[in-house]
N, C-alpha and C. Protein backbone atom coordinates (compact mmCIF):
# COMPACT_ATOMS: atom_id res chain seq x y z
N MET A 1 190.45 17.64 -179.18
CA MET A 1 190.49 19.05 -178.86
C MET A 1 190.51 19.86 -180.12
N PRO A 2 189.51 20.68 -180.28
CA PRO A 2 189.40 21.42 -181.52
C PRO A 2 190.49 22.43 -181.62
N GLU A 3 191.47 22.20 -182.45
CA GLU A 3 192.62 23.07 -182.56
C GLU A 3 192.77 23.56 -183.97
N ILE A 4 192.65 24.84 -184.14
CA ILE A 4 192.61 25.33 -185.50
C ILE A 4 193.79 26.21 -185.82
N ILE A 5 194.95 25.72 -185.60
CA ILE A 5 196.10 26.53 -185.98
C ILE A 5 196.42 26.19 -187.42
N ILE A 6 196.41 27.18 -188.28
CA ILE A 6 196.57 26.92 -189.70
C ILE A 6 198.04 26.63 -190.01
N LEU A 7 198.30 25.50 -190.64
CA LEU A 7 199.65 25.19 -191.10
C LEU A 7 200.08 26.22 -192.13
N ALA A 8 201.37 26.50 -192.13
CA ALA A 8 201.87 27.53 -193.03
C ALA A 8 201.50 27.25 -194.47
N MET A 9 201.69 26.02 -194.90
CA MET A 9 201.36 25.69 -196.29
C MET A 9 199.87 25.78 -196.55
N VAL A 10 199.08 25.34 -195.56
CA VAL A 10 197.62 25.40 -195.74
C VAL A 10 197.16 26.83 -195.75
N PHE A 11 197.76 27.66 -194.86
CA PHE A 11 197.38 29.07 -194.81
C PHE A 11 197.66 29.74 -196.15
N LEU A 12 198.84 29.43 -196.73
CA LEU A 12 199.17 30.00 -198.03
C LEU A 12 198.15 29.57 -199.07
N PHE A 13 197.77 28.29 -199.03
CA PHE A 13 196.76 27.78 -199.98
C PHE A 13 195.45 28.55 -199.82
N VAL A 14 195.04 28.73 -198.57
CA VAL A 14 193.79 29.44 -198.32
C VAL A 14 193.87 30.88 -198.80
N ALA A 15 195.01 31.54 -198.51
CA ALA A 15 195.16 32.92 -198.93
C ALA A 15 195.04 33.06 -200.44
N LEU A 16 195.69 32.15 -201.16
CA LEU A 16 195.62 32.20 -202.62
C LEU A 16 194.20 31.92 -203.10
N ARG A 17 193.54 30.94 -202.47
CA ARG A 17 192.18 30.60 -202.89
C ARG A 17 191.22 31.74 -202.63
N LEU A 18 191.37 32.37 -201.47
CA LEU A 18 190.41 33.41 -201.09
C LEU A 18 190.57 34.67 -201.94
N TRP A 19 191.71 34.80 -202.59
CA TRP A 19 191.88 35.95 -203.48
C TRP A 19 190.78 35.98 -204.53
N SER A 20 190.31 34.77 -204.91
CA SER A 20 189.26 34.70 -205.93
C SER A 20 187.93 34.23 -205.36
N VAL A 21 187.88 34.06 -204.04
CA VAL A 21 186.66 33.52 -203.44
C VAL A 21 185.77 34.64 -202.95
N LEU A 22 184.87 35.07 -203.77
CA LEU A 22 183.83 36.00 -203.36
C LEU A 22 182.54 35.46 -203.92
N GLY A 23 181.60 35.15 -203.06
CA GLY A 23 180.38 34.55 -203.54
C GLY A 23 179.32 34.58 -202.50
N ARG A 24 178.18 34.07 -202.87
CA ARG A 24 177.08 34.06 -201.94
C ARG A 24 176.14 32.91 -202.18
N ARG A 25 175.47 32.44 -201.17
CA ARG A 25 174.55 31.34 -201.35
C ARG A 25 173.12 31.81 -201.16
N THR A 26 172.22 31.01 -201.65
CA THR A 26 170.81 31.37 -201.54
C THR A 26 170.07 30.50 -200.58
N GLY A 27 170.69 29.44 -200.07
CA GLY A 27 170.00 28.55 -199.15
C GLY A 27 170.92 28.13 -198.03
N HIS A 28 170.33 27.56 -197.00
CA HIS A 28 171.10 27.09 -195.85
C HIS A 28 170.77 25.63 -195.60
N GLU A 29 171.79 24.78 -195.64
CA GLU A 29 171.56 23.38 -195.35
C GLU A 29 171.60 23.19 -193.85
N GLN A 30 170.80 22.27 -193.34
CA GLN A 30 170.79 22.00 -191.93
C GLN A 30 170.85 20.50 -191.67
N PRO A 31 171.92 19.84 -192.07
CA PRO A 31 172.00 18.40 -191.88
C PRO A 31 172.15 18.06 -190.41
N ILE A 32 171.62 16.93 -190.01
CA ILE A 32 171.87 16.43 -188.67
C ILE A 32 173.17 15.67 -188.76
N ALA A 33 174.22 16.25 -188.20
CA ALA A 33 175.55 15.69 -188.40
C ALA A 33 176.13 15.20 -187.10
N LYS A 34 176.91 14.15 -187.18
CA LYS A 34 177.58 13.61 -186.01
C LYS A 34 179.06 13.83 -186.19
N PRO A 35 179.81 14.04 -185.07
CA PRO A 35 181.26 14.18 -185.20
C PRO A 35 181.85 12.92 -185.80
N VAL A 36 182.80 13.12 -186.68
CA VAL A 36 183.47 11.98 -187.29
C VAL A 36 184.96 12.14 -187.12
N GLU A 37 185.67 11.05 -187.10
CA GLU A 37 187.11 11.14 -186.97
C GLU A 37 187.69 11.76 -188.22
N ALA A 38 188.70 12.62 -188.01
CA ALA A 38 189.31 13.29 -189.15
C ALA A 38 190.01 12.28 -190.03
N ASN A 39 189.98 12.53 -191.34
CA ASN A 39 190.74 11.69 -192.25
C ASN A 39 191.79 12.55 -192.92
N ASN A 40 192.21 12.20 -194.10
CA ASN A 40 193.30 12.93 -194.72
C ASN A 40 192.83 14.01 -195.66
N ARG A 41 191.64 14.56 -195.43
CA ARG A 41 191.14 15.60 -196.29
C ARG A 41 191.84 16.92 -196.03
N PRO A 42 192.19 17.68 -197.09
CA PRO A 42 192.81 18.99 -196.87
C PRO A 42 191.79 19.95 -196.31
N SER A 43 192.25 20.86 -195.47
CA SER A 43 191.33 21.80 -194.85
C SER A 43 192.09 23.03 -194.41
N PRO A 44 191.43 24.20 -194.46
CA PRO A 44 192.08 25.40 -193.92
C PRO A 44 192.10 25.39 -192.41
N LEU A 45 191.40 24.44 -191.79
CA LEU A 45 191.38 24.33 -190.34
C LEU A 45 192.29 23.18 -189.94
N ALA A 46 193.45 23.50 -189.41
CA ALA A 46 194.40 22.45 -189.08
C ALA A 46 195.20 22.83 -187.85
N VAL A 47 195.57 21.83 -187.05
CA VAL A 47 196.45 22.08 -185.93
C VAL A 47 197.87 22.15 -186.45
N PRO A 48 198.79 22.76 -185.70
CA PRO A 48 200.16 22.90 -186.18
C PRO A 48 200.91 21.59 -186.08
N GLY A 49 202.00 21.53 -186.80
CA GLY A 49 202.88 20.37 -186.70
C GLY A 49 203.67 20.43 -185.41
N PRO A 50 204.54 19.45 -185.17
CA PRO A 50 205.27 19.36 -183.91
C PRO A 50 206.23 20.52 -183.69
N ASP A 51 206.56 21.29 -184.73
CA ASP A 51 207.50 22.40 -184.58
C ASP A 51 206.81 23.68 -184.17
N ALA A 52 205.47 23.69 -184.16
CA ALA A 52 204.75 24.92 -183.83
C ALA A 52 204.93 25.25 -182.36
N ALA A 53 205.12 26.55 -182.10
CA ALA A 53 205.27 26.99 -180.71
C ALA A 53 203.95 26.89 -180.00
N ALA A 54 203.99 26.35 -178.80
CA ALA A 54 202.76 26.21 -178.01
C ALA A 54 202.57 27.48 -177.20
N GLN A 55 201.65 28.31 -177.66
CA GLN A 55 201.34 29.56 -176.99
C GLN A 55 199.90 29.53 -176.52
N PRO A 56 199.66 29.23 -175.24
CA PRO A 56 198.29 29.15 -174.77
C PRO A 56 197.53 30.44 -175.06
N GLN A 57 196.31 30.29 -175.51
CA GLN A 57 195.47 31.42 -175.87
C GLN A 57 194.78 32.00 -174.63
N PRO A 58 194.92 33.32 -174.40
CA PRO A 58 194.16 33.92 -173.31
C PRO A 58 192.67 33.64 -173.50
N LEU A 59 192.02 33.25 -172.43
CA LEU A 59 190.65 32.80 -172.57
C LEU A 59 189.62 33.90 -172.42
N ALA A 60 190.00 35.05 -171.90
CA ALA A 60 189.06 36.16 -171.80
C ALA A 60 189.12 36.93 -173.11
N ASP A 61 188.12 36.77 -173.94
CA ASP A 61 188.16 37.40 -175.25
C ASP A 61 186.74 37.67 -175.71
N PRO A 62 186.48 38.84 -176.29
CA PRO A 62 185.13 39.15 -176.75
C PRO A 62 184.66 38.28 -177.90
N LEU A 63 185.58 37.55 -178.55
CA LEU A 63 185.20 36.68 -179.66
C LEU A 63 184.91 35.26 -179.20
N ILE A 64 184.86 35.05 -177.90
CA ILE A 64 184.50 33.76 -177.34
C ILE A 64 183.36 33.98 -176.35
N GLU A 65 182.21 33.36 -176.62
CA GLU A 65 181.09 33.48 -175.70
C GLU A 65 181.45 32.86 -174.35
N GLN A 66 180.93 33.46 -173.28
CA GLN A 66 181.25 32.99 -171.94
C GLN A 66 180.91 31.50 -171.78
N GLY A 67 179.79 31.09 -172.37
CA GLY A 67 179.38 29.70 -172.25
C GLY A 67 180.30 28.71 -172.96
N ALA A 68 181.17 29.22 -173.83
CA ALA A 68 182.11 28.35 -174.54
C ALA A 68 183.44 28.23 -173.83
N MET A 69 183.65 29.02 -172.78
CA MET A 69 184.96 29.06 -172.13
C MET A 69 185.39 27.72 -171.56
N ALA A 70 184.46 26.99 -170.92
CA ALA A 70 184.84 25.71 -170.33
C ALA A 70 185.32 24.74 -171.40
N GLY A 71 184.62 24.72 -172.54
CA GLY A 71 185.03 23.85 -173.63
C GLY A 71 186.38 24.25 -174.19
N ILE A 72 186.60 25.56 -174.34
CA ILE A 72 187.88 26.05 -174.84
C ILE A 72 189.00 25.66 -173.89
N ARG A 73 188.75 25.77 -172.59
CA ARG A 73 189.76 25.37 -171.61
C ARG A 73 190.09 23.88 -171.72
N ALA A 74 189.04 23.07 -171.90
CA ALA A 74 189.26 21.63 -172.02
C ALA A 74 190.09 21.32 -173.26
N ILE A 75 189.80 22.01 -174.33
CA ILE A 75 190.55 21.80 -175.58
C ILE A 75 191.99 22.28 -175.41
N SER A 76 192.15 23.43 -174.77
CA SER A 76 193.50 23.97 -174.55
C SER A 76 194.32 23.05 -173.65
N ASP A 77 193.67 22.47 -172.64
CA ASP A 77 194.37 21.55 -171.75
C ASP A 77 194.80 20.29 -172.49
N ALA A 78 193.96 19.85 -173.41
CA ALA A 78 194.27 18.64 -174.16
C ALA A 78 195.32 18.89 -175.23
N ASP A 79 195.39 20.11 -175.72
CA ASP A 79 196.36 20.46 -176.77
C ASP A 79 196.88 21.86 -176.48
N ARG A 80 198.09 21.93 -175.94
CA ARG A 80 198.65 23.22 -175.52
C ARG A 80 198.97 24.14 -176.70
N SER A 81 198.93 23.61 -177.91
CA SER A 81 199.21 24.45 -179.07
C SER A 81 197.94 25.12 -179.62
N PHE A 82 196.80 24.79 -179.05
CA PHE A 82 195.54 25.36 -179.53
C PHE A 82 195.51 26.86 -179.31
N ASP A 83 195.07 27.58 -180.32
CA ASP A 83 194.94 29.04 -180.26
C ASP A 83 193.58 29.41 -180.83
N ALA A 84 192.70 29.92 -180.00
CA ALA A 84 191.32 30.18 -180.42
C ALA A 84 191.25 31.22 -181.52
N MET A 85 192.11 32.23 -181.48
CA MET A 85 192.04 33.28 -182.49
C MET A 85 192.50 32.77 -183.85
N ARG A 86 193.51 31.93 -183.86
CA ARG A 86 193.93 31.35 -185.13
C ARG A 86 192.88 30.36 -185.63
N PHE A 87 192.22 29.70 -184.71
CA PHE A 87 191.11 28.83 -185.11
C PHE A 87 190.04 29.64 -185.83
N LEU A 88 189.71 30.81 -185.28
CA LEU A 88 188.68 31.64 -185.90
C LEU A 88 189.09 32.11 -187.29
N GLU A 89 190.36 32.44 -187.45
CA GLU A 89 190.84 32.83 -188.78
C GLU A 89 190.68 31.67 -189.76
N GLY A 90 191.01 30.47 -189.31
CA GLY A 90 190.83 29.31 -190.16
C GLY A 90 189.37 29.04 -190.46
N ALA A 91 188.50 29.26 -189.45
CA ALA A 91 187.07 29.04 -189.65
C ALA A 91 186.51 30.01 -190.69
N LYS A 92 186.97 31.26 -190.65
CA LYS A 92 186.50 32.23 -191.65
C LYS A 92 186.97 31.85 -193.05
N ALA A 93 188.20 31.36 -193.14
CA ALA A 93 188.70 30.91 -194.44
C ALA A 93 187.87 29.73 -194.94
N ALA A 94 187.56 28.79 -194.05
CA ALA A 94 186.75 27.64 -194.44
C ALA A 94 185.35 28.07 -194.85
N TYR A 95 184.78 29.03 -194.15
CA TYR A 95 183.45 29.55 -194.47
C TYR A 95 183.41 30.05 -195.91
N ARG A 96 184.40 30.82 -196.29
CA ARG A 96 184.48 31.35 -197.65
C ARG A 96 184.64 30.21 -198.67
N MET A 97 185.56 29.32 -198.40
CA MET A 97 185.87 28.26 -199.36
C MET A 97 184.69 27.32 -199.57
N ILE A 98 184.03 26.96 -198.48
CA ILE A 98 182.91 26.02 -198.57
C ILE A 98 181.73 26.66 -199.29
N LEU A 99 181.43 27.92 -198.96
CA LEU A 99 180.34 28.59 -199.66
C LEU A 99 180.63 28.71 -201.15
N GLU A 100 181.87 29.07 -201.48
CA GLU A 100 182.22 29.20 -202.89
C GLU A 100 182.04 27.89 -203.64
N ALA A 101 182.49 26.80 -203.01
CA ALA A 101 182.37 25.49 -203.64
C ALA A 101 180.90 25.12 -203.83
N PHE A 102 180.08 25.42 -202.84
CA PHE A 102 178.65 25.12 -202.95
C PHE A 102 178.01 25.94 -204.05
N TRP A 103 178.33 27.21 -204.11
CA TRP A 103 177.72 28.08 -205.10
C TRP A 103 178.05 27.66 -206.52
N ARG A 104 179.26 27.20 -206.75
CA ARG A 104 179.60 26.80 -208.12
C ARG A 104 179.32 25.31 -208.36
N GLY A 105 178.81 24.62 -207.34
CA GLY A 105 178.43 23.23 -207.50
C GLY A 105 179.59 22.27 -207.53
N ASP A 106 180.67 22.58 -206.82
CA ASP A 106 181.87 21.75 -206.83
C ASP A 106 181.76 20.69 -205.72
N ARG A 107 181.16 19.56 -206.06
CA ARG A 107 180.97 18.49 -205.08
C ARG A 107 182.30 17.92 -204.60
N GLU A 108 183.25 17.80 -205.50
CA GLU A 108 184.54 17.21 -205.15
C GLU A 108 185.24 18.03 -204.07
N GLU A 109 185.27 19.34 -204.22
CA GLU A 109 185.92 20.16 -203.20
C GLU A 109 185.15 20.13 -201.88
N LEU A 110 183.83 20.13 -201.96
CA LEU A 110 183.04 20.05 -200.73
C LEU A 110 183.38 18.79 -199.95
N GLU A 111 183.56 17.68 -200.64
CA GLU A 111 183.87 16.43 -199.97
C GLU A 111 185.23 16.47 -199.27
N GLN A 112 186.08 17.41 -199.68
CA GLN A 112 187.38 17.55 -199.04
C GLN A 112 187.28 18.36 -197.74
N LEU A 113 186.22 19.14 -197.59
CA LEU A 113 186.15 20.11 -196.51
C LEU A 113 185.06 19.84 -195.48
N VAL A 114 184.11 18.96 -195.82
CA VAL A 114 182.99 18.71 -194.91
C VAL A 114 182.82 17.21 -194.70
N ASP A 115 182.03 16.85 -193.68
CA ASP A 115 181.82 15.42 -193.46
C ASP A 115 180.76 14.89 -194.41
N SER A 116 180.54 13.58 -194.38
CA SER A 116 179.69 12.95 -195.38
C SER A 116 178.24 13.43 -195.31
N ASP A 117 177.73 13.68 -194.10
CA ASP A 117 176.34 14.13 -193.97
C ASP A 117 176.14 15.52 -194.59
N VAL A 118 177.08 16.41 -194.28
CA VAL A 118 176.98 17.76 -194.84
C VAL A 118 177.18 17.72 -196.35
N ALA A 119 178.13 16.91 -196.82
CA ALA A 119 178.37 16.79 -198.26
C ALA A 119 177.11 16.29 -198.97
N GLU A 120 176.41 15.34 -198.36
CA GLU A 120 175.19 14.82 -198.97
C GLU A 120 174.11 15.89 -199.05
N ALA A 121 173.97 16.68 -197.97
CA ALA A 121 172.96 17.74 -197.98
C ALA A 121 173.28 18.80 -199.03
N PHE A 122 174.54 19.20 -199.10
CA PHE A 122 174.95 20.16 -200.11
C PHE A 122 174.72 19.58 -201.51
N GLY A 123 175.08 18.31 -201.68
CA GLY A 123 174.92 17.68 -202.98
C GLY A 123 173.48 17.63 -203.44
N GLN A 124 172.57 17.36 -202.52
CA GLN A 124 171.15 17.34 -202.87
C GLN A 124 170.68 18.72 -203.31
N ALA A 125 171.15 19.76 -202.61
CA ALA A 125 170.77 21.12 -202.98
C ALA A 125 171.34 21.49 -204.35
N ILE A 126 172.56 21.06 -204.62
CA ILE A 126 173.17 21.34 -205.92
C ILE A 126 172.41 20.63 -207.03
N THR A 127 172.04 19.37 -206.80
CA THR A 127 171.29 18.61 -207.79
C THR A 127 169.95 19.27 -208.09
N ALA A 128 169.25 19.69 -207.06
CA ALA A 128 167.96 20.36 -207.25
C ALA A 128 168.13 21.63 -208.06
N ARG A 129 169.20 22.36 -207.78
CA ARG A 129 169.47 23.59 -208.52
C ARG A 129 169.75 23.29 -209.98
N GLU A 130 170.55 22.27 -210.24
CA GLU A 130 170.88 21.90 -211.61
C GLU A 130 169.64 21.44 -212.38
N GLU A 131 168.80 20.68 -211.71
CA GLU A 131 167.59 20.19 -212.38
C GLU A 131 166.63 21.31 -212.73
N SER A 132 166.68 22.39 -211.95
CA SER A 132 165.81 23.53 -212.24
C SER A 132 166.42 24.46 -213.28
N GLY A 133 167.68 24.17 -213.67
CA GLY A 133 168.34 24.99 -214.66
C GLY A 133 168.86 26.31 -214.13
N HIS A 134 169.06 26.38 -212.83
CA HIS A 134 169.51 27.63 -212.21
C HIS A 134 171.01 27.61 -211.93
N VAL A 135 171.60 28.80 -212.00
CA VAL A 135 173.01 29.00 -211.69
C VAL A 135 173.12 30.13 -210.69
N LEU A 136 173.95 29.94 -209.65
CA LEU A 136 174.12 30.99 -208.65
C LEU A 136 175.25 31.92 -209.04
N ASP A 137 174.98 33.20 -208.93
CA ASP A 137 176.00 34.23 -209.15
C ASP A 137 176.06 35.02 -207.84
N ASN A 138 176.86 34.52 -206.89
CA ASN A 138 176.83 35.02 -205.52
C ASN A 138 178.13 35.68 -205.11
N ARG A 139 178.03 36.57 -204.15
CA ARG A 139 179.20 37.28 -203.65
C ARG A 139 179.13 37.38 -202.13
N LEU A 140 180.20 36.93 -201.47
CA LEU A 140 180.34 37.16 -200.04
C LEU A 140 180.99 38.53 -199.89
N VAL A 141 180.20 39.50 -199.54
CA VAL A 141 180.69 40.87 -199.48
C VAL A 141 181.67 41.03 -198.32
N SER A 142 181.29 40.53 -197.15
CA SER A 142 182.18 40.64 -195.99
C SER A 142 181.71 39.70 -194.89
N ILE A 143 182.66 39.30 -194.06
CA ILE A 143 182.34 38.61 -192.82
C ILE A 143 182.47 39.65 -191.72
N GLU A 144 181.34 40.10 -191.22
CA GLU A 144 181.34 41.17 -190.23
C GLU A 144 181.87 40.69 -188.88
N LYS A 145 181.56 39.44 -188.53
CA LYS A 145 181.97 38.93 -187.23
C LYS A 145 181.96 37.42 -187.24
N ALA A 146 182.92 36.83 -186.53
CA ALA A 146 182.94 35.39 -186.30
C ALA A 146 183.23 35.18 -184.82
N ILE A 147 182.33 34.50 -184.12
CA ILE A 147 182.44 34.32 -182.68
C ILE A 147 182.32 32.84 -182.34
N ILE A 148 183.17 32.37 -181.44
CA ILE A 148 183.03 31.00 -180.94
C ILE A 148 181.82 30.98 -180.01
N ASP A 149 180.81 30.26 -180.42
CA ASP A 149 179.54 30.23 -179.68
C ASP A 149 179.51 29.08 -178.67
N ARG A 150 180.04 27.92 -179.07
CA ARG A 150 180.07 26.76 -178.20
C ARG A 150 181.34 25.97 -178.47
N ALA A 151 181.79 25.25 -177.45
CA ALA A 151 182.97 24.40 -177.61
C ALA A 151 182.89 23.28 -176.59
N LYS A 152 183.29 22.08 -177.01
CA LYS A 152 183.30 20.98 -176.06
C LYS A 152 184.27 19.90 -176.50
N LEU A 153 184.68 19.12 -175.52
CA LEU A 153 185.54 17.96 -175.76
C LEU A 153 184.80 16.76 -175.19
N SER A 154 184.35 15.85 -176.06
CA SER A 154 183.63 14.66 -175.65
C SER A 154 184.50 13.45 -175.94
N GLY A 155 185.10 12.90 -174.89
CA GLY A 155 186.06 11.83 -175.11
C GLY A 155 187.22 12.35 -175.94
N GLN A 156 187.42 11.78 -177.11
CA GLN A 156 188.49 12.20 -178.01
C GLN A 156 188.00 13.12 -179.13
N MET A 157 186.72 13.45 -179.11
CA MET A 157 186.18 14.30 -180.17
C MET A 157 186.02 15.74 -179.66
N ALA A 158 186.62 16.65 -180.38
CA ALA A 158 186.49 18.08 -180.07
C ALA A 158 185.57 18.72 -181.10
N SER A 159 184.74 19.63 -180.66
CA SER A 159 183.88 20.36 -181.59
C SER A 159 183.81 21.82 -181.16
N ILE A 160 183.80 22.69 -182.13
CA ILE A 160 183.68 24.13 -181.90
C ILE A 160 182.62 24.67 -182.85
N THR A 161 181.69 25.40 -182.29
CA THR A 161 180.62 26.01 -183.08
C THR A 161 180.91 27.50 -183.21
N VAL A 162 180.89 27.99 -184.44
CA VAL A 162 181.19 29.38 -184.74
C VAL A 162 179.95 30.05 -185.33
N ARG A 163 179.65 31.23 -184.83
CA ARG A 163 178.55 32.01 -185.38
C ARG A 163 179.14 33.08 -186.31
N PHE A 164 178.69 33.04 -187.55
CA PHE A 164 179.17 33.99 -188.56
C PHE A 164 178.09 35.02 -188.86
N ASP A 165 178.45 36.28 -188.80
CA ASP A 165 177.59 37.36 -189.27
C ASP A 165 178.23 37.91 -190.54
N ALA A 166 177.54 37.75 -191.66
CA ALA A 166 178.13 38.13 -192.95
C ALA A 166 177.14 38.91 -193.79
N ASP A 167 177.69 39.69 -194.70
CA ASP A 167 176.87 40.39 -195.70
C ASP A 167 177.05 39.67 -197.03
N ILE A 168 175.94 39.22 -197.59
CA ILE A 168 175.98 38.40 -198.79
C ILE A 168 175.04 38.96 -199.84
N ALA A 169 175.53 39.04 -201.06
CA ALA A 169 174.70 39.44 -202.20
C ALA A 169 174.52 38.21 -203.08
N ALA A 170 173.30 38.04 -203.61
CA ALA A 170 173.03 36.81 -204.38
C ALA A 170 172.17 37.09 -205.59
N VAL A 171 172.49 36.36 -206.64
CA VAL A 171 171.66 36.39 -207.84
C VAL A 171 171.51 34.96 -208.35
N THR A 172 170.30 34.59 -208.69
CA THR A 172 170.05 33.31 -209.34
C THR A 172 169.71 33.58 -210.80
N ARG A 173 170.43 32.89 -211.69
CA ARG A 173 170.22 33.08 -213.12
C ARG A 173 169.70 31.79 -213.75
N ASP A 174 169.02 31.95 -214.88
CA ASP A 174 168.60 30.76 -215.62
C ASP A 174 169.72 30.36 -216.57
N GLN A 175 169.48 29.34 -217.36
CA GLN A 175 170.53 28.83 -218.25
C GLN A 175 170.95 29.84 -219.31
N SER A 176 170.10 30.82 -219.57
CA SER A 176 170.43 31.85 -220.55
C SER A 176 171.13 33.04 -219.92
N GLY A 177 171.31 32.99 -218.60
CA GLY A 177 171.97 34.08 -217.91
C GLY A 177 171.05 35.16 -217.41
N ASN A 178 169.74 34.97 -217.60
CA ASN A 178 168.79 35.97 -217.13
C ASN A 178 168.59 35.85 -215.62
N VAL A 179 168.48 37.00 -214.96
CA VAL A 179 168.28 37.01 -213.52
C VAL A 179 166.85 36.59 -213.21
N VAL A 180 166.71 35.58 -212.35
CA VAL A 180 165.38 35.14 -211.94
C VAL A 180 165.10 35.47 -210.48
N ALA A 181 166.16 35.81 -209.72
CA ALA A 181 165.97 36.18 -208.33
C ALA A 181 167.22 36.86 -207.81
N GLY A 182 167.03 37.75 -206.85
CA GLY A 182 168.16 38.36 -206.17
C GLY A 182 168.74 39.58 -206.87
N SER A 183 169.78 40.13 -206.23
CA SER A 183 170.44 41.31 -206.75
C SER A 183 171.85 41.38 -206.20
N LEU A 184 172.81 41.67 -207.07
CA LEU A 184 174.19 41.82 -206.63
C LEU A 184 174.45 43.20 -206.06
N SER A 185 173.52 44.12 -206.21
CA SER A 185 173.72 45.48 -205.71
C SER A 185 173.29 45.64 -204.26
N ASP A 186 172.55 44.68 -203.75
CA ASP A 186 172.06 44.76 -202.37
C ASP A 186 172.53 43.56 -201.57
N ALA A 187 173.38 43.82 -200.57
CA ALA A 187 173.86 42.74 -199.70
C ALA A 187 172.84 42.49 -198.59
N VAL A 188 172.66 41.23 -198.28
CA VAL A 188 171.69 40.84 -197.25
C VAL A 188 172.45 40.29 -196.04
N PRO A 189 172.16 40.78 -194.83
CA PRO A 189 172.80 40.22 -193.63
C PRO A 189 172.44 38.74 -193.47
N THR A 190 173.45 37.93 -193.23
CA THR A 190 173.26 36.49 -193.06
C THR A 190 173.89 36.06 -191.74
N HIS A 191 173.21 35.18 -191.04
CA HIS A 191 173.70 34.73 -189.74
C HIS A 191 173.71 33.20 -189.73
N ASP A 192 174.89 32.63 -189.77
CA ASP A 192 175.06 31.19 -189.84
C ASP A 192 175.75 30.66 -188.59
N VAL A 193 175.45 29.42 -188.25
CA VAL A 193 176.10 28.73 -187.14
C VAL A 193 176.67 27.42 -187.68
N TRP A 194 177.98 27.33 -187.71
CA TRP A 194 178.65 26.15 -188.26
C TRP A 194 179.48 25.48 -187.17
N THR A 195 179.46 24.15 -187.17
CA THR A 195 180.22 23.38 -186.19
C THR A 195 181.32 22.59 -186.89
N PHE A 196 182.54 22.73 -186.36
CA PHE A 196 183.70 22.02 -186.88
C PHE A 196 184.15 21.00 -185.84
N SER A 197 184.68 19.88 -186.31
CA SER A 197 185.05 18.80 -185.40
C SER A 197 186.38 18.17 -185.79
N ARG A 198 187.03 17.61 -184.77
CA ARG A 198 188.30 16.91 -185.00
C ARG A 198 188.52 15.90 -183.89
N HIS A 199 189.04 14.73 -184.24
CA HIS A 199 189.45 13.73 -183.26
C HIS A 199 190.83 14.13 -182.75
N VAL A 200 190.92 14.39 -181.44
CA VAL A 200 192.16 14.95 -180.91
C VAL A 200 193.33 13.98 -180.95
N GLY A 201 193.02 12.69 -181.07
CA GLY A 201 194.10 11.72 -181.13
C GLY A 201 194.53 11.37 -182.54
N ALA A 202 193.87 11.95 -183.53
CA ALA A 202 194.17 11.62 -184.91
C ALA A 202 195.46 12.29 -185.37
N ALA A 203 196.18 11.60 -186.25
CA ALA A 203 197.40 12.19 -186.82
C ALA A 203 197.05 13.32 -187.79
N ASP A 204 195.90 13.21 -188.42
CA ASP A 204 195.46 14.25 -189.35
C ASP A 204 195.13 15.51 -188.58
N PRO A 205 195.73 16.66 -188.94
CA PRO A 205 195.50 17.89 -188.19
C PRO A 205 194.23 18.63 -188.59
N ASN A 206 193.55 18.17 -189.61
CA ASN A 206 192.45 18.94 -190.18
C ASN A 206 191.16 18.84 -189.37
N TRP A 207 190.47 19.97 -189.31
CA TRP A 207 189.11 20.02 -188.81
C TRP A 207 188.17 19.99 -190.03
N ILE A 208 186.98 19.44 -189.82
CA ILE A 208 186.01 19.44 -190.91
C ILE A 208 184.68 19.97 -190.42
N LEU A 209 183.90 20.49 -191.35
CA LEU A 209 182.57 20.99 -191.03
C LEU A 209 181.62 19.80 -190.87
N VAL A 210 180.94 19.74 -189.72
CA VAL A 210 180.04 18.61 -189.47
C VAL A 210 178.58 19.02 -189.33
N GLU A 211 178.31 20.32 -189.24
CA GLU A 211 176.92 20.74 -189.11
C GLU A 211 176.78 22.20 -189.50
N THR A 212 175.68 22.54 -190.16
CA THR A 212 175.38 23.93 -190.49
C THR A 212 173.97 24.25 -190.04
N ASP A 213 173.76 25.50 -189.69
CA ASP A 213 172.43 25.94 -189.27
C ASP A 213 172.38 27.45 -189.43
N GLU A 214 171.19 28.00 -189.29
CA GLU A 214 171.02 29.45 -189.26
C GLU A 214 170.90 29.89 -187.83
N ALA A 215 171.48 31.04 -187.51
CA ALA A 215 171.38 31.57 -186.16
C ALA A 215 169.95 31.97 -185.86
N ALA A 216 169.54 31.78 -184.64
CA ALA A 216 168.18 32.13 -184.24
C ALA A 216 168.01 33.64 -184.24
């Protein structure tokens, strides 16, 4: 059951990280990813510990697509501590952190936050960028909206797909710092669809990114 209640310590970590996380990407990876069981990777998407109050999330909400309601109900039934709105806050934090890591080419941090297929796709894009001698100077101006687009519980695997509408400014520089593409003065609307997954029976509370795509 995809449960994204941010642990207090993890939330603090995310808050501190996001203070400096403003960036933008120039490409979108679209790996074909399969749900994987959560491991011990740190993540801003985590279910609460046993002391967390179980407050069922009202299911009628404009930030949850109608077609996702059945999946959200299944997840809520499987884990009474699940809160869709806190999940969305964690998803937005993860969106910022993962993009920032990709933009600066931090493979190690990406491996902590995404599954192996997504990490490989990001790594290939980073390698291609490095070989071309390009450096990204990107800024995530704002996340205008984050909506739960789809949700399901398949056996013990929970997955939630979030659609992000964001304004992103991007600049690609060469090794000398000269701008070769983009502009930091003009933000471009970006529409991404990311899927997060977690094994509901796992002791690890973290959700990880298992698939990325662009919204149609």
